[in-house]
Amino acid sequence: MKIRHYGLLASAGKKKKLSLCRKLTGVKLKPKPVTPLSIVELMQKLTGRDISLCPVCGIGHLSRASPITLIA
């Protein structure tokens, strides 16, 4: 079964129509972050807490044997 799109999602002039809709509604696209974040940086950004600090004493820093980076 073939799905056909009409109106705003029709293939003809789709970019023009969507850009006009964005302009009329005032919606701005968010730029994607360029640099990948490490898990520690991502958690710091999301929670505001440093997860690399020792949960017992709060002074020493914990580290991973193999750091993992995420693209957020």
PDB file of N, CA and C in Angstrom:
ATOM      1  N   MET A   1       0.844  -1.169   0.000  1.00  0.00           N
ATOM      2  CA  MET A   1       0.000   0.000   0.000  1.00  0.00           C
ATOM      3  C   MET A   1       0.894   1.237   0.000  1.00  0.00           C
ATOM      4  N   LYS A   2       0.590   2.158  -0.851  1.00  0.00           N
ATOM      5  CA  LYS A   2       1.381   3.381  -0.966  1.00  0.00           C
ATOM      6  C   LYS A   2       0.743   4.484  -0.123  1.00  0.00           C
ATOM      7  N   ILE A   3       1.584   5.172   0.633  1.00  0.00           N
ATOM      8  CA  ILE A   3       1.106   6.286   1.448  1.00  0.00           C
ATOM      9  C   ILE A   3       1.400   7.573   0.700  1.00  0.00           C
ATOM     10  N   ARG A   4       0.382   8.367   0.487  1.00  0.00           N
ATOM     11  CA  ARG A   4       0.563   9.634  -0.207  1.00  0.00           C
ATOM     12  C   ARG A   4       0.393  10.774   0.783  1.00  0.00           C
ATOM     13  N   HIS A   5       1.225  11.799   0.623  1.00  0.00           N
ATOM     14  CA  HIS A   5       1.144  12.967   1.494  1.00  0.00           C
ATOM     15  C   HIS A   5       0.588  14.147   0.696  1.00  0.00           C
ATOM     16  N   TYR A   6      -0.326  14.853   1.314  1.00  0.00           N
ATOM     17  CA  TYR A   6      -0.930  16.022   0.695  1.00  0.00           C
ATOM     18  C   TYR A   6      -0.687  17.240   1.577  1.00  0.00           C
ATOM     19  N   GLY A   7      -0.817  18.401   1.016  1.00  0.00           N
ATOM     20  CA  GLY A   7      -0.698  19.630   1.793  1.00  0.00           C
ATOM     21  C   GLY A   7       0.743  19.961   2.127  1.00  0.00           C
ATOM     22  N   LEU A   8       1.034  20.174   3.413  1.00  0.00           N
ATOM     23  CA  LEU A   8       2.376  20.590   3.832  1.00  0.00           C
ATOM     24  C   LEU A   8       3.439  19.538   3.562  1.00  0.00           C
ATOM     25  N   LEU A   9       3.060  18.275   3.666  1.00  0.00           N
ATOM     26  CA  LEU A   9       4.052  17.205   3.507  1.00  0.00           C
ATOM     27  C   LEU A   9       4.156  16.668   2.089  1.00  0.00           C
ATOM     28  N   ALA A  10       3.474  17.280   1.146  1.00  0.00           N
ATOM     29  CA  ALA A  10       3.594  16.847  -0.244  1.00  0.00           C
ATOM     30  C   ALA A  10       5.008  17.136  -0.741  1.00  0.00           C
ATOM     31  N   SER A  11       5.512  16.299  -1.608  1.00  0.00           N
ATOM     32  CA  SER A  11       6.891  16.426  -2.085  1.00  0.00           C
ATOM     33  C   SER A  11       7.155  17.736  -2.812  1.00  0.00           C
ATOM     34  N   ALA A  12       6.172  18.202  -3.564  1.00  0.00           N
ATOM     35  CA  ALA A  12       6.357  19.428  -4.337  1.00  0.00           C
ATOM     36  C   ALA A  12       6.344  20.639  -3.408  1.00  0.00           C
ATOM     37  N   GLY A  13       7.479  21.295  -3.290  1.00  0.00           N
ATOM     38  CA  GLY A  13       7.571  22.513  -2.496  1.00  0.00           C
ATOM     39  C   GLY A  13       7.591  22.284  -0.993  1.00  0.00           C
ATOM     40  N   LYS A  14       7.983  21.102  -0.569  1.00  0.00           N
ATOM     41  CA  LYS A  14       7.979  20.765   0.857  1.00  0.00           C
ATOM     42  C   LYS A  14       8.899  21.676   1.665  1.00  0.00           C
ATOM     43  N   LYS A  15      10.111  21.924   1.170  1.00  0.00           N
ATOM     44  CA  LYS A  15      11.066  22.769   1.890  1.00  0.00           C
ATOM     45  C   LYS A  15      10.537  24.192   2.027  1.00  0.00           C
ATOM     46  N   LYS A  16       9.968  24.711   0.956  1.00  0.00           N
ATOM     47  CA  LYS A  16       9.424  26.073   0.985  1.00  0.00           C
ATOM     48  C   LYS A  16       8.289  26.185   1.995  1.00  0.00           C
ATOM     49  N   LYS A  17       7.385  25.218   1.966  1.00  0.00           N
ATOM     50  CA  LYS A  17       6.226  25.271   2.849  1.00  0.00           C
ATOM     51  C   LYS A  17       6.634  25.142   4.316  1.00  0.00           C
ATOM     52  N   LEU A  18       7.551  24.229   4.620  1.00  0.00           N
ATOM     53  CA  LEU A  18       7.975  24.054   6.001  1.00  0.00           C
ATOM     54  C   LEU A  18       8.755  25.260   6.507  1.00  0.00           C
ATOM     55  N   SER A  19       9.590  25.846   5.645  1.00  0.00           N
ATOM     56  CA  SER A  19      10.324  27.041   6.073  1.00  0.00           C
ATOM     57  C   SER A  19       9.369  28.211   6.296  1.00  0.00           C
ATOM     58  N   LEU A  20       8.339  28.326   5.476  1.00  0.00           N
ATOM     59  CA  LEU A  20       7.331  29.367   5.668  1.00  0.00           C
ATOM     60  C   LEU A  20       6.583  29.148   6.980  1.00  0.00           C
ATOM     61  N   CYS A  21       6.239  27.903   7.287  1.00  0.00           N
ATOM     62  CA  CYS A  21       5.552  27.592   8.546  1.00  0.00           C
ATOM     63  C   CYS A  21       6.435  27.946   9.735  1.00  0.00           C
ATOM     64  N   ARG A  22       7.731  27.616   9.662  1.00  0.00           N
ATOM     65  CA  ARG A  22       8.652  27.956  10.748  1.00  0.00           C
ATOM     66  C   ARG A  22       8.759  29.469  10.922  1.00  0.00           C
ATOM     67  N   LYS A  23       8.793  30.194   9.799  1.00  0.00           N
ATOM     68  CA  LYS A  23       8.907  31.647   9.848  1.00  0.00           C
ATOM     69  C   LYS A  23       7.650  32.262  10.465  1.00  0.00           C
ATOM     70  N   LEU A  24       6.475  31.782  10.070  1.00  0.00           N
ATOM     71  CA  LEU A  24       5.217  32.336  10.560  1.00  0.00           C
ATOM     72  C   LEU A  24       4.972  32.022  12.032  1.00  0.00           C
ATOM     73  N   THR A  25       5.432  30.851  12.482  1.00  0.00           N
ATOM     74  CA  THR A  25       5.212  30.471  13.880  1.00  0.00           C
ATOM     75  C   THR A  25       6.332  30.933  14.792  1.00  0.00           C
ATOM     76  N   GLY A  26       7.447  31.385  14.218  1.00  0.00           N
ATOM     77  CA  GLY A  26       8.557  31.877  15.033  1.00  0.00           C
ATOM     78  C   GLY A  26       9.411  30.769  15.639  1.00  0.00           C
ATOM     79  N   VAL A  27       9.344  29.584  15.091  1.00  0.00           N
ATOM     80  CA  VAL A  27      10.124  28.456  15.605  1.00  0.00           C
ATOM     81  C   VAL A  27      11.532  28.523  15.048  1.00  0.00           C
ATOM     82  N   LYS A  28      12.512  28.383  15.936  1.00  0.00           N
ATOM     83  CA  LYS A  28      13.905  28.375  15.494  1.00  0.00           C
ATOM     84  C   LYS A  28      14.501  27.005  15.785  1.00  0.00           C
ATOM     85  N   LEU A  29      15.272  26.500  14.860  1.00  0.00           N
ATOM     86  CA  LEU A  29      15.914  25.205  15.040  1.00  0.00           C
ATOM     87  C   LEU A  29      17.091  25.342  15.986  1.00  0.00           C
ATOM     88  N   LYS A  30      17.230  24.394  16.891  1.00  0.00           N
ATOM     89  CA  LYS A  30      18.347  24.397  17.831  1.00  0.00           C
ATOM     90  C   LYS A  30      19.582  23.830  17.134  1.00  0.00           C
ATOM     91  N   PRO A  31      20.728  24.505  17.258  1.00  0.00           N
ATOM     92  CA  PRO A  31      21.936  23.950  16.654  1.00  0.00           C
ATOM     93  C   PRO A  31      22.384  22.718  17.437  1.00  0.00           C
ATOM     94  N   LYS A  32      22.864  21.729  16.727  1.00  0.00           N
ATOM     95  CA  LYS A  32      23.340  20.505  17.364  1.00  0.00           C
ATOM     96  C   LYS A  32      24.730  20.740  17.927  1.00  0.00           C
ATOM     97  N   PRO A  33      25.021  20.185  19.110  1.00  0.00           N
ATOM     98  CA  PRO A  33      26.362  20.350  19.671  1.00  0.00           C
ATOM     99  C   PRO A  33      27.398  19.647  18.804  1.00  0.00           C
ATOM    100  N   VAL A  34      28.530  20.292  18.641  1.00  0.00           N
ATOM    101  CA  VAL A  34      29.565  19.771  17.757  1.00  0.00           C
ATOM    102  C   VAL A  34      30.504  18.832  18.496  1.00  0.00           C
ATOM    103  N   THR A  35      30.848  19.159  19.739  1.00  0.00           N
ATOM    104  CA  THR A  35      31.811  18.359  20.478  1.00  0.00           C
ATOM    105  C   THR A  35      31.113  17.279  21.287  1.00  0.00           C
ATOM    106  N   PRO A  36      31.645  16.052  21.257  1.00  0.00           N
ATOM    107  CA  PRO A  36      31.049  14.988  22.067  1.00  0.00           C
ATOM    108  C   PRO A  36      31.342  15.219  23.548  1.00  0.00           C
ATOM    109  N   LEU A  37      30.403  14.864  24.400  1.00  0.00           N
ATOM    110  CA  LEU A  37      30.552  15.027  25.840  1.00  0.00           C
ATOM    111  C   LEU A  37      30.894  13.687  26.485  1.00  0.00           C
ATOM    112  N   SER A  38      31.748  13.730  27.507  1.00  0.00           N
ATOM    113  CA  SER A  38      32.010  12.515  28.264  1.00  0.00           C
ATOM    114  C   SER A  38      30.830  12.291  29.198  1.00  0.00           C
ATOM    115  N   ILE A  39      30.750  11.110  29.785  1.00  0.00           N
ATOM    116  CA  ILE A  39      29.652  10.803  30.684  1.00  0.00           C
ATOM    117  C   ILE A  39      29.684  11.731  31.895  1.00  0.00           C
ATOM    118  N   VAL A  40      30.876  12.006  32.409  1.00  0.00           N
ATOM    119  CA  VAL A  40      31.007  12.893  33.569  1.00  0.00           C
ATOM    120  C   VAL A  40      30.503  14.289  33.221  1.00  0.00           C
ATOM    121  N   GLU A  41      30.888  14.808  32.056  1.00  0.00           N
ATOM    122  CA  GLU A  41      30.431  16.133  31.634  1.00  0.00           C
ATOM    123  C   GLU A  41      28.923  16.161  31.398  1.00  0.00           C
ATOM    124  N   LEU A  42      28.385  15.100  30.801  1.00  0.00           N
ATOM    125  CA  LEU A  42      26.952  15.024  30.536  1.00  0.00           C
ATOM    126  C   LEU A  42      26.159  15.000  31.843  1.00  0.00           C
ATOM    127  N   MET A  43      26.591  14.191  32.810  1.00  0.00           N
ATOM    128  CA  MET A  43      25.904  14.130  34.097  1.00  0.00           C
ATOM    129  C   MET A  43      26.033  15.446  34.860  1.00  0.00           C
ATOM    130  N   GLN A  44      27.193  16.105  34.743  1.00  0.00           N
ATOM    131  CA  GLN A  44      27.384  17.418  35.375  1.00  0.00           C
ATOM    132  C   GLN A  44      26.393  18.426  34.796  1.00  0.00           C
ATOM    133  N   LYS A  45      26.210  18.367  33.490  1.00  0.00           N
ATOM    134  CA  LYS A  45      25.300  19.284  32.810  1.00  0.00           C
ATOM    135  C   LYS A  45      23.840  18.991  33.183  1.00  0.00           C
ATOM    136  N   LEU A  46      23.473  17.706  33.264  1.00  0.00           N
ATOM    137  CA  LEU A  46      22.090  17.336  33.534  1.00  0.00           C
ATOM    138  C   LEU A  46      21.702  17.495  35.000  1.00  0.00           C
ATOM    139  N   THR A  47      22.587  17.073  35.919  1.00  0.00           N
ATOM    140  CA  THR A  47      22.221  17.054  37.331  1.00  0.00           C
ATOM    141  C   THR A  47      22.846  18.176  38.141  1.00  0.00           C
ATOM    142  N   GLY A  48      23.940  18.755  37.646  1.00  0.00           N
ATOM    143  CA  GLY A  48      24.625  19.790  38.410  1.00  0.00           C
ATOM    144  C   GLY A  48      25.546  19.228  39.476  1.00  0.00           C
ATOM    145  N   ARG A  49      25.720  17.913  39.503  1.00  0.00           N
ATOM    146  CA  ARG A  49      26.595  17.270  40.489  1.00  0.00           C
ATOM    147  C   ARG A  49      27.762  16.604  39.778  1.00  0.00           C
ATOM    148  N   ASP A  50      28.915  16.580  40.451  1.00  0.00           N
ATOM    149  CA  ASP A  50      30.102  15.939  39.900  1.00  0.00           C
ATOM    150  C   ASP A  50      30.094  14.477  40.320  1.00  0.00           C
ATOM    151  N   ILE A  51      29.840  13.553  39.361  1.00  0.00           N
ATOM    152  CA  ILE A  51      29.753  12.138  39.699  1.00  0.00           C
ATOM    153  C   ILE A  51      31.128  11.494  39.855  1.00  0.00           C
ATOM    154  N   SER A  52      32.190  12.227  39.552  1.00  0.00           N
ATOM    155  CA  SER A  52      33.519  11.649  39.703  1.00  0.00           C
ATOM    156  C   SER A  52      34.039  11.770  41.134  1.00  0.00           C
ATOM    157  N   LEU A  53      33.301  12.499  42.004  1.00  0.00           N
ATOM    158  CA  LEU A  53      33.701  12.609  43.400  1.00  0.00           C
ATOM    159  C   LEU A  53      33.336  11.331  44.152  1.00  0.00           C
ATOM    160  N   CYS A  54      34.148  10.977  45.122  1.00  0.00           N
ATOM    161  CA  CYS A  54      33.911   9.804  45.953  1.00  0.00           C
ATOM    162  C   CYS A  54      32.614  10.001  46.740  1.00  0.00           C
ATOM    163  N   PRO A  55      31.695   9.012  46.688  1.00  0.00           N
ATOM    164  CA  PRO A  55      30.429   9.172  47.407  1.00  0.00           C
ATOM    165  C   PRO A  55      30.579   9.116  48.930  1.00  0.00           C
ATOM    166  N   VAL A  56      31.702   8.568  49.419  1.00  0.00           N
ATOM    167  CA  VAL A  56      31.900   8.447  50.862  1.00  0.00           C
ATOM    168  C   VAL A  56      32.493   9.727  51.446  1.00  0.00           C
ATOM    169  N   CYS A  57      33.669  10.137  50.936  1.00  0.00           N
ATOM    170  CA  CYS A  57      34.352  11.291  51.526  1.00  0.00           C
ATOM    171  C   CYS A  57      34.051  12.596  50.804  1.00  0.00           C
ATOM    172  N   GLY A  58      33.665  12.533  49.528  1.00  0.00           N
ATOM    173  CA  GLY A  58      33.354  13.740  48.772  1.00  0.00           C
ATOM    174  C   GLY A  58      34.565  14.531  48.332  1.00  0.00           C
ATOM    175  N   ILE A  59      35.771  14.001  48.561  1.00  0.00           N
ATOM    176  CA  ILE A  59      36.995  14.717  48.208  1.00  0.00           C
ATOM    177  C   ILE A  59      37.727  14.038  47.055  1.00  0.00           C
ATOM    178  N   GLY A  60      37.941  12.726  47.182  1.00  0.00           N
ATOM    179  CA  GLY A  60      38.683  11.992  46.158  1.00  0.00           C
ATOM    180  C   GLY A  60      37.904  11.859  44.868  1.00  0.00           C
ATOM    181  N   HIS A  61      38.616  11.676  43.781  1.00  0.00           N
ATOM    182  CA  HIS A  61      37.987  11.537  42.464  1.00  0.00           C
ATOM    183  C   HIS A  61      38.054  10.097  41.997  1.00  0.00           C
ATOM    184  N   LEU A  62      36.953   9.612  41.433  1.00  0.00           N
ATOM    185  CA  LEU A  62      36.870   8.280  40.863  1.00  0.00           C
ATOM    186  C   LEU A  62      37.181   8.378  39.379  1.00  0.00           C
ATOM    187  N   SER A  63      37.739   7.320  38.816  1.00  0.00           N
ATOM    188  CA  SER A  63      38.018   7.318  37.380  1.00  0.00           C
ATOM    189  C   SER A  63      37.689   5.958  36.807  1.00  0.00           C
ATOM    190  N   ARG A  64      37.394   5.930  35.508  1.00  0.00           N
ATOM    191  CA  ARG A  64      37.088   4.686  34.800  1.00  0.00           C
ATOM    192  C   ARG A  64      38.351   4.152  34.147  1.00  0.00           C
ATOM    193  N   ALA A  65      38.383   2.847  33.957  1.00  0.00           N
ATOM    194  CA  ALA A  65      39.523   2.234  33.278  1.00  0.00           C
ATOM    195  C   ALA A  65      39.493   2.586  31.793  1.00  0.00           C
ATOM    196  N   SER A  66      38.305   2.659  31.196  1.00  0.00           N
ATOM    197  CA  SER A  66      38.167   3.032  29.787  1.00  0.00           C
ATOM    198  C   SER A  66      37.091   4.100  29.669  1.00  0.00           C
ATOM    199  N   PRO A  67      37.480   5.353  29.453  1.00  0.00           N
ATOM    200  CA  PRO A  67      36.476   6.418  29.371  1.00  0.00           C
ATOM    201  C   PRO A  67      35.573   6.265  28.148  1.00  0.00           C
ATOM    202  N   ILE A  68      34.307   6.572  28.329  1.00  0.00           N
ATOM    203  CA  ILE A  68      33.316   6.480  27.251  1.00  0.00           C
ATOM    204  C   ILE A  68      32.861   7.892  26.937  1.00  0.00           C
ATOM    205  N   THR A  69      32.766   8.232  25.650  1.00  0.00           N
ATOM    206  CA  THR A  69      32.256   9.538  25.266  1.00  0.00           C
ATOM    207  C   THR A  69      30.918   9.360  24.558  1.00  0.00           C
ATOM    208  N   LEU A  70      30.014  10.303  24.789  1.00  0.00           N
ATOM    209  CA  LEU A  70      28.704  10.299  24.158  1.00  0.00           C
ATOM    210  C   LEU A  70      28.552  11.538  23.296  1.00  0.00           C
ATOM    211  N   ILE A  71      27.797  11.403  22.251  1.00  0.00           N
ATOM    212  CA  ILE A  71      27.465  12.566  21.426  1.00  0.00           C
ATOM    213  C   ILE A  71      26.048  12.955  21.822  1.00  0.00           C
ATOM    214  N   ALA A  72      25.955  14.059  22.508  1.00  0.00           N
ATOM    215  CA  ALA A  72      24.644  14.474  23.014  1.00  0.00           C
ATOM    216  C   ALA A  72      24.041  15.558  22.174  1.00  0.00           C
TER     217      ALA A  72
END
